[in-house]
Amino acid sequence: MTEFHIDKREPEKKYYLKHKFLSDYCGGCFLNQYFETDDWILDNKAHSSSCKTQFTQAEIDRIKENYNTTLDDFELIEVKEWKN
C-alpha cells in the first residue's frame, strides 16, 4: 500500500477569469465577487479582504452551474506565485 502525505500535495490551482472582449486598458475586465454583498462585477484583479478575484476550478464549475452560464466570454489565467 502506498502511503500518502497530505502535506506533500500540490496546492490547488487558482485562476483569474478575464473577459475576452473587453480592453485591459483600465484593468476592469476581471471577474470579482464581493463578499459582503455577493455582487459580481468586472474590475481589476487585485485580490483583497473584501473581494475575491482568484477561483479554483471547482469554484468556476459552481459559478457555471449556479448562474446557468458557460463563461465562454472569459479566459482562465492561472495565478502564479511571485517570488522576490
N, C-alpha and C. Protein backbone atom coordinates (compact mmCIF):
# COMPACT_ATOMS: atom_id res chain seq x y z
N MET A 1 0.83 -1.18 0.00
CA MET A 1 0.00 0.00 0.00
C MET A 1 0.88 1.25 0.00
N THR A 2 0.58 2.18 -0.87
CA THR A 2 1.35 3.41 -0.96
C THR A 2 0.87 4.39 0.09
N GLU A 3 1.82 5.01 0.77
CA GLU A 3 1.49 5.98 1.79
C GLU A 3 1.30 7.36 1.14
N PHE A 4 0.30 8.08 1.60
CA PHE A 4 0.01 9.40 1.04
C PHE A 4 0.16 10.43 2.15
N HIS A 5 0.98 11.44 1.90
CA HIS A 5 1.17 12.52 2.87
C HIS A 5 0.46 13.77 2.36
N ILE A 6 -0.50 14.22 3.16
CA ILE A 6 -1.30 15.37 2.74
C ILE A 6 -0.44 16.63 2.61
N ASP A 7 0.63 16.73 3.39
CA ASP A 7 1.47 17.92 3.33
C ASP A 7 2.32 17.97 2.06
N LYS A 8 2.38 16.88 1.29
CA LYS A 8 3.15 16.86 0.05
C LYS A 8 2.27 17.05 -1.18
N ARG A 9 1.00 17.32 -0.94
CA ARG A 9 0.05 17.50 -2.03
C ARG A 9 0.29 18.85 -2.70
N GLU A 10 0.11 18.90 -4.01
CA GLU A 10 0.22 20.15 -4.75
C GLU A 10 -0.92 21.08 -4.37
N PRO A 11 -0.65 22.37 -4.18
CA PRO A 11 -1.76 23.29 -3.90
C PRO A 11 -2.70 23.37 -5.11
N GLU A 12 -3.99 23.52 -4.82
CA GLU A 12 -4.96 23.60 -5.90
C GLU A 12 -4.73 24.86 -6.72
N LYS A 13 -4.76 24.72 -8.04
CA LYS A 13 -4.54 25.86 -8.92
C LYS A 13 -5.70 26.84 -8.80
N LYS A 14 -5.35 28.12 -8.92
CA LYS A 14 -6.37 29.16 -8.94
C LYS A 14 -6.23 29.93 -10.24
N TYR A 15 -7.35 30.53 -10.64
CA TYR A 15 -7.40 31.23 -11.92
C TYR A 15 -8.10 32.58 -11.77
N TYR A 16 -7.65 33.53 -12.59
CA TYR A 16 -8.41 34.76 -12.82
C TYR A 16 -9.34 34.47 -13.98
N LEU A 17 -10.50 35.08 -13.98
CA LEU A 17 -11.43 35.00 -15.11
C LEU A 17 -11.43 36.36 -15.79
N LYS A 18 -10.77 36.44 -16.94
CA LYS A 18 -10.61 37.70 -17.67
C LYS A 18 -11.53 37.70 -18.88
N HIS A 19 -12.32 38.77 -19.00
CA HIS A 19 -13.23 38.89 -20.14
C HIS A 19 -12.41 38.98 -21.43
N LYS A 20 -12.78 38.18 -22.41
CA LYS A 20 -12.01 38.10 -23.66
C LYS A 20 -12.15 39.32 -24.56
N PHE A 21 -13.29 40.00 -24.49
CA PHE A 21 -13.57 41.03 -25.48
C PHE A 21 -13.50 42.45 -24.94
N LEU A 22 -13.16 42.62 -23.68
CA LEU A 22 -13.02 43.95 -23.11
C LEU A 22 -11.56 44.32 -23.03
N SER A 23 -11.29 45.60 -23.19
CA SER A 23 -9.93 46.09 -23.16
C SER A 23 -9.35 46.00 -21.75
N ASP A 24 -8.11 45.64 -21.65
CA ASP A 24 -7.41 45.59 -20.37
C ASP A 24 -6.82 46.96 -20.02
N TYR A 25 -7.11 47.96 -20.84
CA TYR A 25 -6.53 49.29 -20.68
C TYR A 25 -6.78 49.85 -19.28
N CYS A 26 -7.99 49.73 -18.78
CA CYS A 26 -8.33 50.25 -17.45
C CYS A 26 -8.26 49.17 -16.38
N GLY A 27 -8.00 47.94 -16.75
CA GLY A 27 -7.90 46.86 -15.79
C GLY A 27 -9.23 46.31 -15.31
N GLY A 28 -10.32 46.80 -15.85
CA GLY A 28 -11.64 46.39 -15.37
C GLY A 28 -12.25 45.26 -16.16
N CYS A 29 -11.51 44.21 -16.40
CA CYS A 29 -12.05 43.11 -17.19
C CYS A 29 -11.92 41.76 -16.48
N PHE A 30 -11.69 41.79 -15.17
CA PHE A 30 -11.57 40.56 -14.39
C PHE A 30 -12.80 40.38 -13.51
N LEU A 31 -13.28 39.15 -13.42
CA LEU A 31 -14.45 38.86 -12.60
C LEU A 31 -14.08 38.97 -11.12
N ASN A 32 -14.90 39.72 -10.39
CA ASN A 32 -14.72 39.92 -8.94
C ASN A 32 -16.01 39.55 -8.23
N GLN A 33 -15.88 38.90 -7.09
CA GLN A 33 -17.03 38.61 -6.24
C GLN A 33 -16.81 39.35 -4.92
N TYR A 34 -17.75 40.24 -4.58
CA TYR A 34 -17.66 40.98 -3.33
C TYR A 34 -18.33 40.17 -2.23
N PHE A 35 -17.59 39.93 -1.14
CA PHE A 35 -18.05 39.06 -0.07
C PHE A 35 -19.29 39.58 0.64
N GLU A 36 -19.28 40.84 1.01
CA GLU A 36 -20.36 41.40 1.83
C GLU A 36 -21.71 41.37 1.13
N THR A 37 -21.73 41.70 -0.16
CA THR A 37 -23.00 41.80 -0.89
C THR A 37 -23.24 40.65 -1.86
N ASP A 38 -22.23 39.82 -2.08
CA ASP A 38 -22.26 38.74 -3.06
C ASP A 38 -22.52 39.27 -4.47
N ASP A 39 -22.12 40.51 -4.72
CA ASP A 39 -22.21 41.09 -6.05
C ASP A 39 -21.05 40.60 -6.91
N TRP A 40 -21.32 40.47 -8.20
CA TRP A 40 -20.31 40.09 -9.18
C TRP A 40 -20.12 41.25 -10.13
N ILE A 41 -18.88 41.73 -10.27
CA ILE A 41 -18.61 42.85 -11.17
C ILE A 41 -17.31 42.58 -11.92
N LEU A 42 -17.07 43.38 -12.95
CA LEU A 42 -15.80 43.35 -13.65
C LEU A 42 -14.97 44.50 -13.12
N ASP A 43 -13.76 44.18 -12.68
CA ASP A 43 -12.87 45.18 -12.09
C ASP A 43 -11.45 44.68 -12.30
N ASN A 44 -10.50 45.20 -11.53
CA ASN A 44 -9.12 44.75 -11.68
C ASN A 44 -8.94 43.39 -10.99
N LYS A 45 -7.74 42.86 -11.03
CA LYS A 45 -7.51 41.52 -10.47
C LYS A 45 -6.90 41.57 -9.07
N ALA A 46 -6.99 42.71 -8.41
CA ALA A 46 -6.44 42.85 -7.06
C ALA A 46 -7.32 42.11 -6.06
N HIS A 47 -6.79 41.03 -5.52
CA HIS A 47 -7.49 40.22 -4.52
C HIS A 47 -7.39 40.96 -3.19
N SER A 48 -8.49 41.05 -2.44
CA SER A 48 -8.46 41.77 -1.17
C SER A 48 -9.35 41.08 -0.16
N SER A 49 -9.43 41.65 1.03
CA SER A 49 -10.28 41.07 2.08
C SER A 49 -11.76 41.30 1.78
N SER A 50 -12.08 42.21 0.86
CA SER A 50 -13.49 42.48 0.54
C SER A 50 -13.96 41.83 -0.75
N CYS A 51 -13.02 41.39 -1.60
CA CYS A 51 -13.44 40.77 -2.86
C CYS A 51 -12.51 39.64 -3.25
N LYS A 52 -13.08 38.73 -4.01
CA LYS A 52 -12.35 37.56 -4.48
C LYS A 52 -12.16 37.69 -5.99
N THR A 53 -10.94 37.47 -6.43
CA THR A 53 -10.64 37.53 -7.86
C THR A 53 -9.98 36.25 -8.37
N GLN A 54 -9.64 35.35 -7.45
CA GLN A 54 -8.96 34.11 -7.80
C GLN A 54 -9.88 32.94 -7.46
N PHE A 55 -10.09 32.06 -8.43
CA PHE A 55 -11.05 30.98 -8.26
C PHE A 55 -10.43 29.64 -8.61
N THR A 56 -10.78 28.61 -7.84
CA THR A 56 -10.36 27.25 -8.17
C THR A 56 -11.27 26.72 -9.29
N GLN A 57 -10.88 25.62 -9.90
CA GLN A 57 -11.71 25.03 -10.95
C GLN A 57 -13.07 24.62 -10.39
N ALA A 58 -13.10 24.11 -9.16
CA ALA A 58 -14.37 23.72 -8.54
C ALA A 58 -15.28 24.94 -8.35
N GLU A 59 -14.71 26.08 -7.96
CA GLU A 59 -15.50 27.30 -7.80
C GLU A 59 -16.02 27.79 -9.14
N ILE A 60 -15.21 27.69 -10.17
CA ILE A 60 -15.63 28.09 -11.52
C ILE A 60 -16.78 27.21 -11.99
N ASP A 61 -16.67 25.91 -11.72
CA ASP A 61 -17.75 24.99 -12.10
C ASP A 61 -19.05 25.34 -11.37
N ARG A 62 -18.95 25.74 -10.08
CA ARG A 62 -20.14 26.15 -9.32
C ARG A 62 -20.74 27.44 -9.88
N ILE A 63 -19.90 28.38 -10.29
CA ILE A 63 -20.39 29.63 -10.90
C ILE A 63 -21.21 29.27 -12.14
N LYS A 64 -20.66 28.40 -12.97
CA LYS A 64 -21.36 27.99 -14.19
C LYS A 64 -22.71 27.37 -13.87
N GLU A 65 -22.73 26.50 -12.88
CA GLU A 65 -23.97 25.81 -12.52
C GLU A 65 -24.97 26.77 -11.86
N ASN A 66 -24.51 27.55 -10.89
CA ASN A 66 -25.41 28.43 -10.14
C ASN A 66 -26.00 29.55 -10.98
N TYR A 67 -25.25 30.01 -11.98
CA TYR A 67 -25.71 31.14 -12.80
C TYR A 67 -26.07 30.72 -14.22
N ASN A 68 -26.12 29.41 -14.46
CA ASN A 68 -26.51 28.87 -15.75
C ASN A 68 -25.77 29.57 -16.90
N THR A 69 -24.45 29.52 -16.82
CA THR A 69 -23.60 30.17 -17.81
C THR A 69 -22.47 29.24 -18.22
N THR A 70 -21.90 29.51 -19.36
CA THR A 70 -20.75 28.73 -19.82
C THR A 70 -19.43 29.45 -19.54
N LEU A 71 -19.51 30.75 -19.28
CA LEU A 71 -18.33 31.60 -19.11
C LEU A 71 -17.45 31.59 -20.36
N ASP A 72 -18.05 31.34 -21.50
CA ASP A 72 -17.29 31.30 -22.75
C ASP A 72 -16.64 32.64 -23.11
N ASP A 73 -17.15 33.73 -22.56
CA ASP A 73 -16.58 35.05 -22.85
C ASP A 73 -15.38 35.37 -21.95
N PHE A 74 -15.00 34.41 -21.12
CA PHE A 74 -13.87 34.62 -20.20
C PHE A 74 -12.77 33.62 -20.49
N GLU A 75 -11.54 34.07 -20.31
CA GLU A 75 -10.41 33.15 -20.40
C GLU A 75 -9.88 32.92 -19.00
N LEU A 76 -9.43 31.70 -18.74
CA LEU A 76 -8.85 31.35 -17.46
C LEU A 76 -7.36 31.64 -17.51
N ILE A 77 -6.91 32.45 -16.58
CA ILE A 77 -5.49 32.78 -16.49
C ILE A 77 -4.98 32.24 -15.16
N GLU A 78 -4.06 31.31 -15.22
CA GLU A 78 -3.56 30.70 -13.99
C GLU A 78 -2.83 31.73 -13.13
N VAL A 79 -3.14 31.72 -11.85
CA VAL A 79 -2.47 32.62 -10.89
C VAL A 79 -1.11 32.01 -10.58
N LYS A 80 -0.09 32.78 -10.78
CA LYS A 80 1.27 32.34 -10.48
C LYS A 80 1.74 33.03 -9.22
N GLU A 81 2.45 32.30 -8.38
CA GLU A 81 3.02 32.92 -7.19
C GLU A 81 4.27 33.66 -7.59
N TRP A 82 4.37 34.88 -7.11
CA TRP A 82 5.55 35.71 -7.40
C TRP A 82 6.56 35.52 -6.30
N LYS A 83 7.79 35.33 -6.69
CA LYS A 83 8.86 35.20 -5.70
C LYS A 83 9.77 36.39 -5.85
N ASN A 84 10.11 37.01 -4.73
CA ASN A 84 11.01 38.17 -4.74
C ASN A 84 12.44 37.74 -4.70
